[in-house]
Amino acid sequence: ILVIGMTNRRDLIDEALLRPGRFEVQVEIHLPD
């Protein structure tokens, strides 16, 4: 499985979901240069 999450507010998400084993790869999608 691969679960992909999209959000504008990472600070609101439960911290347990952000640790390794869950949403461990966190990539910020910047405004384009």
PDB file of all heavy atoms in Angstrom:
ATOM      1  N   ILE A   1       0.837  -1.198   0.000  1.00  0.00           N
ATOM      2  CA  ILE A   1       0.000   0.000   0.000  1.00  0.00           C
ATOM      3  C   ILE A   1       0.872   1.249   0.000  1.00  0.00           C
ATOM      4  O   ILE A   1       2.016   1.246   0.465  1.00  0.00           O
ATOM      5  CB  ILE A   1      -0.948   0.055   1.222  1.00  0.00           C
ATOM      6  CG1 ILE A   1      -0.141   0.059   2.532  1.00  0.00           C
ATOM      7  CG2 ILE A   1      -1.959  -1.059   1.188  1.00  0.00           C
ATOM      8  CD1 ILE A   1      -0.950   0.480   3.732  1.00  0.00           C
ATOM      9  N   LEU A   2       0.330   2.303  -0.552  1.00  0.00           N
ATOM     10  CA  LEU A   2       0.942   3.629  -0.474  1.00  0.00           C
ATOM     11  C   LEU A   2      -0.201   4.616  -0.272  1.00  0.00           C
ATOM     12  O   LEU A   2      -1.073   4.757  -1.129  1.00  0.00           O
ATOM     13  CB  LEU A   2       1.714   3.966  -1.749  1.00  0.00           C
ATOM     14  CG  LEU A   2       2.361   5.358  -1.771  1.00  0.00           C
ATOM     15  CD1 LEU A   2       3.411   5.478  -0.676  1.00  0.00           C
ATOM     16  CD2 LEU A   2       2.969   5.657  -3.130  1.00  0.00           C
ATOM     17  N   VAL A   3      -0.201   5.261   0.881  1.00  0.00           N
ATOM     18  CA  VAL A   3      -1.236   6.244   1.203  1.00  0.00           C
ATOM     19  C   VAL A   3      -0.651   7.631   0.977  1.00  0.00           C
ATOM     20  O   VAL A   3       0.377   7.989   1.553  1.00  0.00           O
ATOM     21  CB  VAL A   3      -1.722   6.093   2.663  1.00  0.00           C
ATOM     22  CG1 VAL A   3      -2.834   7.088   2.952  1.00  0.00           C
ATOM     23  CG2 VAL A   3      -2.200   4.670   2.916  1.00  0.00           C
ATOM     24  N   ILE A   4      -1.302   8.400   0.126  1.00  0.00           N
ATOM     25  CA  ILE A   4      -0.835   9.754  -0.188  1.00  0.00           C
ATOM     26  C   ILE A   4      -1.843  10.752   0.367  1.00  0.00           C
ATOM     27  O   ILE A   4      -3.038  10.670   0.069  1.00  0.00           O
ATOM     28  CB  ILE A   4      -0.683   9.954  -1.711  1.00  0.00           C
ATOM     29  CG1 ILE A   4       0.298   8.926  -2.278  1.00  0.00           C
ATOM     30  CG2 ILE A   4      -0.204  11.365  -2.023  1.00  0.00           C
ATOM     31  CD1 ILE A   4       0.445   8.985  -3.786  1.00  0.00           C
ATOM     32  N   GLY A   5      -1.363  11.660   1.189  1.00  0.00           N
ATOM     33  CA  GLY A   5      -2.230  12.687   1.770  1.00  0.00           C
ATOM     34  C   GLY A   5      -1.911  14.059   1.205  1.00  0.00           C
ATOM     35  O   GLY A   5      -0.753  14.376   0.935  1.00  0.00           O
ATOM     36  N   MET A   6      -2.931  14.872   1.021  1.00  0.00           N
ATOM     37  CA  MET A   6      -2.774  16.244   0.538  1.00  0.00           C
ATOM     38  C   MET A   6      -3.359  17.186   1.582  1.00  0.00           C
ATOM     39  O   MET A   6      -4.465  16.943   2.077  1.00  0.00           O
ATOM     40  CB  MET A   6      -3.519  16.450  -0.782  1.00  0.00           C
ATOM     41  CG  MET A   6      -3.326  15.356  -1.798  1.00  0.00           C
ATOM     42  SD  MET A   6      -1.853  15.612  -2.769  1.00  0.00           S
ATOM     43  CE  MET A   6      -1.943  14.174  -3.845  1.00  0.00           C
ATOM     44  N   THR A   7      -2.649  18.261   1.889  1.00  0.00           N
ATOM     45  CA  THR A   7      -3.171  19.207   2.866  1.00  0.00           C
ATOM     46  C   THR A   7      -2.538  20.583   2.682  1.00  0.00           C
ATOM     47  O   THR A   7      -1.397  20.692   2.212  1.00  0.00           O
ATOM     48  CB  THR A   7      -2.916  18.716   4.302  1.00  0.00           C
ATOM     49  OG1 THR A   7      -3.467  19.663   5.227  1.00  0.00           O
ATOM     50  CG2 THR A   7      -1.428  18.575   4.578  1.00  0.00           C
ATOM     51  N   ASN A   8      -3.293  21.610   3.066  1.00  0.00           N
ATOM     52  CA  ASN A   8      -2.758  22.971   3.123  1.00  0.00           C
ATOM     53  C   ASN A   8      -2.283  23.314   4.529  1.00  0.00           C
ATOM     54  O   ASN A   8      -1.572  24.299   4.708  1.00  0.00           O
ATOM     55  CB  ASN A   8      -3.838  23.995   2.715  1.00  0.00           C
ATOM     56  CG  ASN A   8      -4.398  23.727   1.341  1.00  0.00           C
ATOM     57  OD1 ASN A   8      -3.686  23.263   0.467  1.00  0.00           O
ATOM     58  ND2 ASN A   8      -5.677  24.013   1.151  1.00  0.00           N
ATOM     59  N   ARG A   9      -2.698  22.511   5.521  1.00  0.00           N
ATOM     60  CA  ARG A   9      -2.375  22.807   6.918  1.00  0.00           C
ATOM     61  C   ARG A   9      -1.810  21.563   7.598  1.00  0.00           C
ATOM     62  O   ARG A   9      -2.514  20.816   8.274  1.00  0.00           O
ATOM     63  CB  ARG A   9      -3.641  23.274   7.653  1.00  0.00           C
ATOM     64  CG  ARG A   9      -4.205  24.592   7.174  1.00  0.00           C
ATOM     65  CD  ARG A   9      -3.293  25.761   7.554  1.00  0.00           C
ATOM     66  NE  ARG A   9      -3.018  25.819   8.966  1.00  0.00           N
ATOM     67  CZ  ARG A   9      -3.818  26.434   9.851  1.00  0.00           C
ATOM     68  NH1 ARG A   9      -4.931  27.008   9.448  1.00  0.00           N
ATOM     69  NH2 ARG A   9      -3.490  26.475  11.128  1.00  0.00           N
ATOM     70  N   ARG A  10      -0.529  21.359   7.435  1.00  0.00           N
ATOM     71  CA  ARG A  10       0.106  20.200   8.066  1.00  0.00           C
ATOM     72  C   ARG A  10       0.050  20.298   9.583  1.00  0.00           C
ATOM     73  O   ARG A  10       0.013  19.275  10.291  1.00  0.00           O
ATOM     74  CB  ARG A  10       1.563  20.106   7.600  1.00  0.00           C
ATOM     75  CG  ARG A  10       2.313  18.921   8.151  1.00  0.00           C
ATOM     76  CD  ARG A  10       3.735  18.850   7.672  1.00  0.00           C
ATOM     77  NE  ARG A  10       4.516  20.000   8.052  1.00  0.00           N
ATOM     78  CZ  ARG A  10       5.842  20.057   8.081  1.00  0.00           C
ATOM     79  NH1 ARG A  10       6.531  18.983   7.740  1.00  0.00           N
ATOM     80  NH2 ARG A  10       6.470  21.141   8.415  1.00  0.00           N
ATOM     81  N   ASP A  11       0.029  21.521  10.119  1.00  0.00           N
ATOM     82  CA  ASP A  11       0.064  21.711  11.570  1.00  0.00           C
ATOM     83  C   ASP A  11      -1.192  21.196  12.260  1.00  0.00           C
ATOM     84  O   ASP A  11      -1.199  20.991  13.474  1.00  0.00           O
ATOM     85  CB  ASP A  11       0.254  23.198  11.888  1.00  0.00           C
ATOM     86  CG  ASP A  11      -0.812  24.065  11.234  1.00  0.00           C
ATOM     87  OD1 ASP A  11      -0.816  24.178   9.991  1.00  0.00           O
ATOM     88  OD2 ASP A  11      -1.646  24.635  11.953  1.00  0.00           O
ATOM     89  N   LEU A  12      -2.282  20.982  11.508  1.00  0.00           N
ATOM     90  CA  LEU A  12      -3.533  20.522  12.114  1.00  0.00           C
ATOM     91  C   LEU A  12      -3.623  19.007  12.214  1.00  0.00           C
ATOM     92  O   LEU A  12      -4.489  18.484  12.904  1.00  0.00           O
ATOM     93  CB  LEU A  12      -4.728  21.040  11.306  1.00  0.00           C
ATOM     94  CG  LEU A  12      -4.919  22.557  11.232  1.00  0.00           C
ATOM     95  CD1 LEU A  12      -6.146  22.887  10.393  1.00  0.00           C
ATOM     96  CD2 LEU A  12      -5.051  23.162  12.625  1.00  0.00           C
ATOM     97  N   ILE A  13      -2.727  18.296  11.522  1.00  0.00           N
ATOM     98  CA  ILE A  13      -2.827  16.830  11.443  1.00  0.00           C
ATOM     99  C   ILE A  13      -2.267  16.194  12.709  1.00  0.00           C
ATOM    100  O   ILE A  13      -1.270  16.674  13.272  1.00  0.00           O
ATOM    101  CB  ILE A  13      -2.074  16.323  10.201  1.00  0.00           C
ATOM    102  CG1 ILE A  13      -2.722  16.900   8.941  1.00  0.00           C
ATOM    103  CG2 ILE A  13      -2.098  14.803  10.128  1.00  0.00           C
ATOM    104  CD1 ILE A  13      -1.947  16.615   7.683  1.00  0.00           C
ATOM    105  N   ASP A  14      -2.899  15.103  13.132  1.00  0.00           N
ATOM    106  CA  ASP A  14      -2.455  14.396  14.337  1.00  0.00           C
ATOM    107  C   ASP A  14      -0.990  13.985  14.203  1.00  0.00           C
ATOM    108  O   ASP A  14      -0.572  13.426  13.178  1.00  0.00           O
ATOM    109  CB  ASP A  14      -3.326  13.153  14.556  1.00  0.00           C
ATOM    110  CG  ASP A  14      -3.101  12.539  15.920  1.00  0.00           C
ATOM    111  OD1 ASP A  14      -2.131  11.772  16.066  1.00  0.00           O
ATOM    112  OD2 ASP A  14      -3.880  12.837  16.837  1.00  0.00           O
ATOM    113  N   GLU A  15      -0.215  14.266  15.233  1.00  0.00           N
ATOM    114  CA  GLU A  15       1.234  14.033  15.188  1.00  0.00           C
ATOM    115  C   GLU A  15       1.585  12.564  14.982  1.00  0.00           C
ATOM    116  O   GLU A  15       2.619  12.246  14.374  1.00  0.00           O
ATOM    117  CB  GLU A  15       1.881  14.543  16.481  1.00  0.00           C
ATOM    118  CG  GLU A  15       1.855  16.060  16.611  1.00  0.00           C
ATOM    119  CD  GLU A  15       2.523  16.533  17.879  1.00  0.00           C
ATOM    120  OE1 GLU A  15       2.989  15.662  18.654  1.00  0.00           O
ATOM    121  OE2 GLU A  15       2.581  17.750  18.113  1.00  0.00           O
ATOM    122  N   ALA A  16       0.767  11.670  15.474  1.00  0.00           N
ATOM    123  CA  ALA A  16       1.059  10.236  15.330  1.00  0.00           C
ATOM    124  C   ALA A  16       1.069   9.808  13.868  1.00  0.00           C
ATOM    125  O   ALA A  16       1.729   8.834  13.498  1.00  0.00           O
ATOM    126  CB  ALA A  16       0.038   9.407  16.108  1.00  0.00           C
ATOM    127  N   LEU A  17       0.340  10.525  13.012  1.00  0.00           N
ATOM    128  CA  LEU A  17       0.309  10.189  11.590  1.00  0.00           C
ATOM    129  C   LEU A  17       1.565  10.639  10.861  1.00  0.00           C
ATOM    130  O   LEU A  17       1.820  10.206   9.739  1.00  0.00           O
ATOM    131  CB  LEU A  17      -0.918  10.830  10.923  1.00  0.00           C
ATOM    132  CG  LEU A  17      -2.263  10.145  11.158  1.00  0.00           C
ATOM    133  CD1 LEU A  17      -3.393  11.033  10.667  1.00  0.00           C
ATOM    134  CD2 LEU A  17      -2.313   8.802  10.455  1.00  0.00           C
ATOM    135  N   LEU A  18       2.343  11.519  11.487  1.00  0.00           N
ATOM    136  CA  LEU A  18       3.488  12.104  10.798  1.00  0.00           C
ATOM    137  C   LEU A  18       4.801  11.408  11.122  1.00  0.00           C
ATOM    138  O   LEU A  18       5.845  11.783  10.596  1.00  0.00           O
ATOM    139  CB  LEU A  18       3.597  13.599  11.158  1.00  0.00           C
ATOM    140  CG  LEU A  18       2.368  14.453  10.822  1.00  0.00           C
ATOM    141  CD1 LEU A  18       2.593  15.898  11.239  1.00  0.00           C
ATOM    142  CD2 LEU A  18       2.038  14.376   9.339  1.00  0.00           C
ATOM    143  N   ARG A  19       4.764  10.396  11.975  1.00  0.00           N
ATOM    144  CA  ARG A  19       6.015   9.739  12.334  1.00  0.00           C
ATOM    145  C   ARG A  19       6.362   8.654  11.314  1.00  0.00           C
ATOM    146  O   ARG A  19       5.513   8.247  10.517  1.00  0.00           O
ATOM    147  CB  ARG A  19       5.916   9.144  13.744  1.00  0.00           C
ATOM    148  CG  ARG A  19       5.091   7.880  13.853  1.00  0.00           C
ATOM    149  CD  ARG A  19       5.462   7.130  15.117  1.00  0.00           C
ATOM    150  NE  ARG A  19       4.712   5.899  15.303  1.00  0.00           N
ATOM    151  CZ  ARG A  19       4.962   4.759  14.671  1.00  0.00           C
ATOM    152  NH1 ARG A  19       5.902   4.705  13.740  1.00  0.00           N
ATOM    153  NH2 ARG A  19       4.260   3.677  14.936  1.00  0.00           N
ATOM    154  N   PRO A  20       7.623   8.180  11.298  1.00  0.00           N
ATOM    155  CA  PRO A  20       8.021   7.110  10.364  1.00  0.00           C
ATOM    156  C   PRO A  20       7.121   5.890  10.492  1.00  0.00           C
ATOM    157  O   PRO A  20       6.743   5.496  11.595  1.00  0.00           O
ATOM    158  CB  PRO A  20       9.456   6.794  10.800  1.00  0.00           C
ATOM    159  CG  PRO A  20       9.957   8.074  11.372  1.00  0.00           C
ATOM    160  CD  PRO A  20       8.768   8.697  12.059  1.00  0.00           C
ATOM    161  N   GLY A  21       6.811   5.297   9.350  1.00  0.00           N
ATOM    162  CA  GLY A  21       5.891   4.171   9.320  1.00  0.00           C
ATOM    163  C   GLY A  21       4.507   4.591   8.878  1.00  0.00           C
ATOM    164  O   GLY A  21       3.715   3.764   8.429  1.00  0.00           O
ATOM    165  N   ARG A  22       4.201   5.873   9.018  1.00  0.00           N
ATOM    166  CA  ARG A  22       2.923   6.404   8.530  1.00  0.00           C
ATOM    167  C   ARG A  22       3.217   7.370   7.380  1.00  0.00           C
ATOM    168  O   ARG A  22       3.757   6.948   6.372  1.00  0.00           O
ATOM    169  CB  ARG A  22       2.153   7.083   9.673  1.00  0.00           C
ATOM    170  CG  ARG A  22       1.443   6.084  10.615  1.00  0.00           C
ATOM    171  CD  ARG A  22       2.303   5.651  11.771  1.00  0.00           C
ATOM    172  NE  ARG A  22       1.689   4.658  12.633  1.00  0.00           N
ATOM    173  CZ  ARG A  22       1.524   4.836  13.943  1.00  0.00           C
ATOM    174  NH1 ARG A  22       1.868   5.970  14.515  1.00  0.00           N
ATOM    175  NH2 ARG A  22       1.017   3.861  14.671  1.00  0.00           N
ATOM    176  N   PHE A  23       2.901   8.644   7.564  1.00  0.00           N
ATOM    177  CA  PHE A  23       3.224   9.618   6.511  1.00  0.00           C
ATOM    178  C   PHE A  23       4.659  10.102   6.716  1.00  0.00           C
ATOM    179  O   PHE A  23       4.904  11.262   7.050  1.00  0.00           O
ATOM    180  CB  PHE A  23       2.244  10.788   6.551  1.00  0.00           C
ATOM    181  CG  PHE A  23       0.857  10.434   6.115  1.00  0.00           C
ATOM    182  CD1 PHE A  23      -0.169  10.301   7.041  1.00  0.00           C
ATOM    183  CD2 PHE A  23       0.567  10.215   4.785  1.00  0.00           C
ATOM    184  CE1 PHE A  23      -1.450   9.965   6.649  1.00  0.00           C
ATOM    185  CE2 PHE A  23      -0.714   9.877   4.380  1.00  0.00           C
ATOM    186  CZ  PHE A  23      -1.723   9.746   5.314  1.00  0.00           C
ATOM    187  N   GLU A  24       5.608   9.205   6.487  1.00  0.00           N
ATOM    188  CA  GLU A  24       6.991   9.530   6.804  1.00  0.00           C
ATOM    189  C   GLU A  24       7.657  10.398   5.741  1.00  0.00           C
ATOM    190  O   GLU A  24       8.588  11.135   6.027  1.00  0.00           O
ATOM    191  CB  GLU A  24       7.800   8.262   7.022  1.00  0.00           C
ATOM    192  CG  GLU A  24       7.824   7.311   5.832  1.00  0.00           C
ATOM    193  CD  GLU A  24       8.574   6.028   6.177  1.00  0.00           C
ATOM    194  OE1 GLU A  24       9.802   6.083   6.204  1.00  0.00           O
ATOM    195  OE2 GLU A  24       7.921   4.999   6.427  1.00  0.00           O
ATOM    196  N   VAL A  25       7.209  10.294   4.498  1.00  0.00           N
ATOM    197  CA  VAL A  25       7.746  11.152   3.439  1.00  0.00           C
ATOM    198  C   VAL A  25       6.855  12.382   3.344  1.00  0.00           C
ATOM    199  O   VAL A  25       5.695  12.288   2.962  1.00  0.00           O
ATOM    200  CB  VAL A  25       7.785  10.419   2.086  1.00  0.00           C
ATOM    201  CG1 VAL A  25       8.263  11.352   0.984  1.00  0.00           C
ATOM    202  CG2 VAL A  25       8.673   9.201   2.174  1.00  0.00           C
ATOM    203  N   GLN A  26       7.401  13.526   3.724  1.00  0.00           N
ATOM    204  CA  GLN A  26       6.640  14.771   3.721  1.00  0.00           C
ATOM    205  C   GLN A  26       7.338  15.754   2.781  1.00  0.00           C
ATOM    206  O   GLN A  26       8.473  16.155   3.013  1.00  0.00           O
ATOM    207  CB  GLN A  26       6.539  15.340   5.129  1.00  0.00           C
ATOM    208  CG  GLN A  26       5.814  14.401   6.093  1.00  0.00           C
ATOM    209  CD  GLN A  26       5.885  14.855   7.527  1.00  0.00           C
ATOM    210  OE1 GLN A  26       6.021  16.037   7.815  1.00  0.00           O
ATOM    211  NE2 GLN A  26       5.789  13.903   8.454  1.00  0.00           N
ATOM    212  N   VAL A  27       6.641  16.110   1.734  1.00  0.00           N
ATOM    213  CA  VAL A  27       7.218  16.964   0.695  1.00  0.00           C
ATOM    214  C   VAL A  27       6.405  18.244   0.601  1.00  0.00           C
ATOM    215  O   VAL A  27       5.182  18.192   0.402  1.00  0.00           O
ATOM    216  CB  VAL A  27       7.235  16.251  -0.674  1.00  0.00           C
ATOM    217  CG1 VAL A  27       7.847  17.147  -1.735  1.00  0.00           C
ATOM    218  CG2 VAL A  27       8.001  14.935  -0.568  1.00  0.00           C
ATOM    219  N   GLU A  28       7.084  19.353   0.740  1.00  0.00           N
ATOM    220  CA  GLU A  28       6.400  20.641   0.597  1.00  0.00           C
ATOM    221  C   GLU A  28       6.344  21.020  -0.872  1.00  0.00           C
ATOM    222  O   GLU A  28       7.365  21.058  -1.555  1.00  0.00           O
ATOM    223  CB  GLU A  28       7.117  21.728   1.398  1.00  0.00           C
ATOM    224  CG  GLU A  28       6.412  23.070   1.313  1.00  0.00           C
ATOM    225  CD  GLU A  28       7.040  24.124   2.217  1.00  0.00           C
ATOM    226  OE1 GLU A  28       8.079  23.827   2.840  1.00  0.00           O
ATOM    227  OE2 GLU A  28       6.495  25.238   2.282  1.00  0.00           O
ATOM    228  N   ILE A  29       5.152  21.302  -1.348  1.00  0.00           N
ATOM    229  CA  ILE A  29       4.959  21.742  -2.726  1.00  0.00           C
ATOM    230  C   ILE A  29       4.948  23.269  -2.712  1.00  0.00           C
ATOM    231  O   ILE A  29       3.971  23.898  -2.316  1.00  0.00           O
ATOM    232  CB  ILE A  29       3.653  21.191  -3.328  1.00  0.00           C
ATOM    233  CG1 ILE A  29       3.584  19.672  -3.135  1.00  0.00           C
ATOM    234  CG2 ILE A  29       3.549  21.551  -4.798  1.00  0.00           C
ATOM    235  CD1 ILE A  29       4.708  18.907  -3.813  1.00  0.00           C
ATOM    236  N   HIS A  30       6.079  23.857  -3.110  1.00  0.00           N
ATOM    237  CA  HIS A  30       6.246  25.305  -3.039  1.00  0.00           C
ATOM    238  C   HIS A  30       5.475  26.005  -4.147  1.00  0.00           C
ATOM    239  O   HIS A  30       5.047  25.406  -5.130  1.00  0.00           O
ATOM    240  CB  HIS A  30       7.724  25.680  -3.201  1.00  0.00           C
ATOM    241  CG  HIS A  30       8.607  25.152  -2.120  1.00  0.00           C
ATOM    242  ND1 HIS A  30       8.715  25.761  -0.893  1.00  0.00           N
ATOM    243  CD2 HIS A  30       9.436  24.075  -2.075  1.00  0.00           C
ATOM    244  CE1 HIS A  30       9.572  25.084  -0.146  1.00  0.00           C
ATOM    245  NE2 HIS A  30      10.016  24.056  -0.845  1.00  0.00           N
ATOM    246  N   LEU A  31       5.359  27.311  -3.972  1.00  0.00           N
ATOM    247  CA  LEU A  31       4.972  28.144  -5.102  1.00  0.00           C
ATOM    248  C   LEU A  31       6.084  28.057  -6.140  1.00  0.00           C
ATOM    249  O   LEU A  31       7.260  28.038  -5.787  1.00  0.00           O
ATOM    250  CB  LEU A  31       4.784  29.601  -4.661  1.00  0.00           C
ATOM    251  CG  LEU A  31       3.598  29.883  -3.729  1.00  0.00           C
ATOM    252  CD1 LEU A  31       3.694  31.298  -3.182  1.00  0.00           C
ATOM    253  CD2 LEU A  31       2.280  29.686  -4.442  1.00  0.00           C
ATOM    254  N   PRO A  32       5.759  27.980  -7.426  1.00  0.00           N
ATOM    255  CA  PRO A  32       6.803  27.802  -8.448  1.00  0.00           C
ATOM    256  C   PRO A  32       7.704  29.027  -8.575  1.00  0.00           C
ATOM    257  O   PRO A  32       7.246  30.163  -8.412  1.00  0.00           O
ATOM    258  CB  PRO A  32       5.994  27.574  -9.729  1.00  0.00           C
ATOM    259  CG  PRO A  32       4.665  28.211  -9.473  1.00  0.00           C
ATOM    260  CD  PRO A  32       4.411  28.040  -8.001  1.00  0.00           C
ATOM    261  N   ASP A  33       8.978  28.779  -8.848  1.00  0.00           N
ATOM    262  CA  ASP A  33       9.896  29.885  -9.124  1.00  0.00           C
ATOM    263  C   ASP A  33       9.725  30.311 -10.578  1.00  0.00           C
ATOM    264  O   ASP A  33       8.851  29.830 -11.290  1.00  0.00           O
ATOM    265  CB  ASP A  33      11.343  29.478  -8.824  1.00  0.00           C
ATOM    266  CG  ASP A  33      11.781  28.241  -9.604  1.00  0.00           C
ATOM    267  OD1 ASP A  33      11.067  27.848 -10.553  1.00  0.00           O
ATOM    268  OD2 ASP A  33      12.828  27.668  -9.265  1.00  0.00           O
TER     269      ASP A  33
END
